Protein backbone atom coordinates (compact mmCIF):
# COMPACT_ATOMS: atom_id res chain seq x y z
CA UNK A 1 62.60 46.51 77.49
CA UNK A 2 61.37 43.81 75.33
CA UNK A 3 62.15 44.37 71.31
CA UNK A 4 60.15 41.97 68.85
CA UNK A 5 63.10 40.85 66.47
CA UNK A 6 60.84 38.96 64.02
CA UNK A 7 57.06 38.21 63.17
CA UNK A 8 56.39 36.16 60.06
CA UNK A 9 53.25 35.73 58.33
CA UNK A 10 51.93 32.78 58.68
CA UNK A 11 53.01 29.43 56.73
CA UNK A 12 52.18 25.75 56.85
CA UNK A 13 54.04 23.50 58.50
CA UNK A 14 52.41 20.67 60.46
CA UNK A 15 49.97 23.35 61.18
CA UNK A 16 49.98 26.99 60.00
CA UNK A 17 52.39 28.80 61.89
CA UNK A 18 53.17 32.46 62.84
CA UNK A 19 56.49 32.48 63.71
CA UNK A 20 58.19 35.38 66.25
CA UNK A 21 61.26 35.87 68.14
CA UNK A 22 61.39 38.27 70.78
CA UNK A 23 64.23 39.82 72.85
CA UNK A 24 63.85 41.06 76.39
CA UNK A 25 65.56 41.02 80.03
CA UNK A 26 64.11 39.79 82.78
CA UNK A 27 62.05 38.11 80.13
CA UNK A 28 58.56 39.10 79.07
CA UNK A 29 55.44 37.98 79.27
CA UNK A 30 53.94 37.30 75.81
CA UNK A 31 50.23 37.29 75.04
CA UNK A 32 48.05 38.11 71.37
CA UNK A 33 45.74 40.00 70.03
CA UNK A 34 43.14 39.11 66.54
CA UNK A 35 41.83 42.22 65.22
CA UNK A 36 42.59 43.98 68.72
CA UNK A 37 40.53 41.66 70.85
CA UNK A 38 42.17 39.72 73.54
CA UNK A 39 42.99 36.21 71.33
CA UNK A 40 42.37 33.18 73.93
CA UNK A 41 44.34 29.94 73.52
CA UNK A 42 42.23 27.06 72.26
CA UNK A 43 42.55 23.07 71.05
CA UNK A 44 42.91 25.06 67.57
CA UNK A 45 44.51 28.02 68.42
CA UNK A 46 47.89 28.01 70.66
CA UNK A 47 51.39 29.85 71.20
CA UNK A 48 54.46 27.40 71.86
CA UNK A 49 57.81 29.17 72.42
CA UNK A 50 61.21 28.53 74.24
CA UNK A 51 63.68 30.85 75.98
CA UNK A 52 67.08 30.74 74.73
CA UNK A 53 69.19 33.12 76.80
CA UNK A 54 67.02 36.88 76.77
CA UNK A 55 65.35 35.82 73.26
CA UNK A 56 62.11 33.94 73.16
CA UNK A 57 61.17 31.85 70.07
CA UNK A 58 58.30 30.21 69.18
CA UNK A 59 55.14 29.84 66.79
CA UNK A 60 51.60 30.99 67.39
CA UNK A 61 50.06 27.76 66.00
CA UNK A 62 46.71 27.59 64.47
CA UNK A 63 44.70 23.61 63.69
CA UNK A 64 43.14 23.67 60.52
CA UNK A 65 42.26 27.47 60.49
CA UNK A 66 39.10 28.93 58.36
CA UNK A 67 38.73 32.30 56.84
CA UNK A 68 37.17 33.13 60.49
CA UNK A 69 40.57 33.16 61.63
CA UNK A 70 41.88 35.65 58.84
CA UNK A 71 43.18 39.18 60.17
CA UNK A 72 45.77 41.22 62.28
CA UNK A 73 47.24 39.17 64.56
CA UNK A 74 49.83 41.51 67.02
CA UNK A 75 52.16 40.30 69.54
CA UNK A 76 52.34 41.86 72.93
CA UNK A 77 55.48 41.53 74.86
CA UNK A 78 55.60 43.13 78.33
CA UNK A 79 58.02 43.23 81.18
CA UNK A 80 58.91 45.37 84.24
CA UNK A 81 60.85 48.05 82.03
CA UNK A 82 58.15 48.52 79.06
CA UNK A 83 56.66 46.66 76.35
CA UNK A 84 56.30 46.31 72.74
CA UNK A 85 53.91 45.55 70.15
CA UNK A 86 53.82 44.33 66.50
CA UNK A 87 51.68 43.61 63.94
CA UNK A 88 51.24 40.94 60.85
CA UNK A 89 48.36 40.29 58.57
CA UNK A 90 47.30 36.58 58.88
CA UNK A 91 45.14 34.93 55.86
CA UNK A 92 44.68 31.46 55.75
CA UNK A 93 41.46 30.61 53.57
CA UNK A 94 39.05 32.71 50.87
CA UNK A 95 34.92 33.15 52.10
CA UNK A 96 33.50 30.60 50.67
CA UNK A 97 31.03 31.52 47.85
CA UNK A 98 32.45 35.09 47.27
CA UNK A 99 29.79 37.64 46.20
CA UNK A 100 26.98 35.22 46.58
CA UNK A 101 24.63 35.17 50.38
CA UNK A 102 22.16 32.73 50.44
CA UNK A 103 19.85 32.64 53.47
CA UNK A 104 16.71 30.46 53.97
CA UNK A 105 13.16 32.37 54.73
CA UNK A 106 9.95 31.09 55.19
CA UNK A 107 7.93 32.76 52.93
CA UNK A 108 4.23 31.75 51.84
CA UNK A 109 1.94 29.27 53.37
CA UNK A 110 -0.19 26.79 52.01
CA UNK A 111 -3.42 27.56 54.03
CA UNK A 112 -5.00 24.95 53.61
CA UNK A 113 -2.59 22.38 55.09
CA UNK A 114 -1.26 25.01 57.43
CA UNK A 115 2.72 24.47 56.27
CA UNK A 116 5.09 26.94 55.55
CA UNK A 117 7.41 26.41 52.25
CA UNK A 118 11.04 27.46 52.56
CA UNK A 119 12.43 29.16 49.64
CA UNK A 120 15.88 30.02 48.99
CA UNK A 121 16.76 33.47 48.12
CA UNK A 122 19.65 35.04 45.88
CA UNK A 123 20.41 38.33 46.98
CA UNK A 124 23.50 38.84 44.42
CA UNK A 125 22.09 37.05 41.18
CA UNK A 126 18.66 36.47 39.75
CA UNK A 127 20.02 34.70 36.79
CA UNK A 128 21.52 31.98 39.38
CA UNK A 129 17.94 31.71 41.15
CA UNK A 130 16.17 31.28 37.72
CA UNK A 131 18.63 28.56 36.59
CA UNK A 132 18.24 26.89 40.02
CA UNK A 133 14.35 27.32 39.51
CA UNK A 134 14.52 25.64 36.04
CA UNK A 135 16.63 22.70 37.15
CA UNK A 136 14.40 22.09 40.48
CA UNK A 137 11.23 21.78 37.99
CA UNK A 138 12.60 19.83 35.44
CA UNK A 139 13.63 17.42 37.93
CA UNK A 140 10.33 17.44 39.65
CA UNK A 141 8.60 16.80 35.96
CA UNK A 142 11.00 13.94 35.46
CA UNK A 143 9.97 12.47 38.60
CA UNK A 144 6.35 12.94 37.88
CA UNK A 145 6.62 11.55 34.66
CA UNK A 146 8.35 8.05 36.17
CA UNK A 147 5.68 7.91 38.64
CA UNK A 148 2.75 7.67 35.68
CA UNK A 149 4.95 5.34 33.46
CA UNK A 150 5.33 2.85 36.41
CA UNK A 151 1.86 3.16 37.03
CA UNK A 152 0.55 2.60 33.84
CA UNK A 153 3.21 -0.10 33.06
CA UNK A 154 1.90 -1.84 36.18
CA UNK A 155 -1.85 -1.56 35.05
CA UNK A 156 -1.44 -2.11 31.20
CA UNK A 157 1.54 -4.79 31.14
CA UNK A 158 0.16 -7.57 32.81
CA UNK A 159 -2.95 -8.43 30.29
CA UNK A 160 -1.41 -10.89 27.84
CA UNK A 161 -1.96 -10.21 23.85
CA UNK A 162 -5.04 -11.78 21.94
CA UNK A 163 -5.81 -13.66 25.32
CA UNK A 164 -3.01 -16.40 24.91
CA UNK A 165 -1.75 -17.72 28.60
CA UNK A 166 2.17 -17.93 28.10
C-alpha cells in the first residue's frame, strides 16, 4: 500500500511549493484536499511530480497565492492495496485589514433629488470612522474655500486701481 514519506510546509522557489514524496507499488494515484474539500487544479494551483521507481516526488505549486489559499492541505495516495493521507497547514498571506470590516451600504436618501448617498460603515472602530469623517470634512471645506477664492479673484482682480490703464 502507499506510504507518504515526506510532506513539507510551503516554501517559495519560483512558485510556492508543498513538496511531497510518496512510496507505493503499484504506483499510487495522487489527489489533494483543501480544508477537506477536493482541490481542483487550475492555472494558479497545480501538481507536478515524477515517478522514480516506487517513489513519486513532486510539488503542489501555487502561483501567487493569497490569504484565500491558507488552510489545511491533505495529500491522498491510493492504489489497489490501500490508501494513505497526510495533512499539512499552508499559510501564504495574512488577511488584509485584520479586525476591521468595511462594508458599503446605501443609507439615507435625498428626497428632493431621489438619490441615495453611500455611507461607509466601520464595524470595529468608531474612532477610525470619526477620523475619516474629519478628514473628509476638512477636504470638502478646503475645496469650497478654493472655489470661492477663485471666483473672488476673477470678479475683483480685473479692475485696475485708481482707473489707470496699464
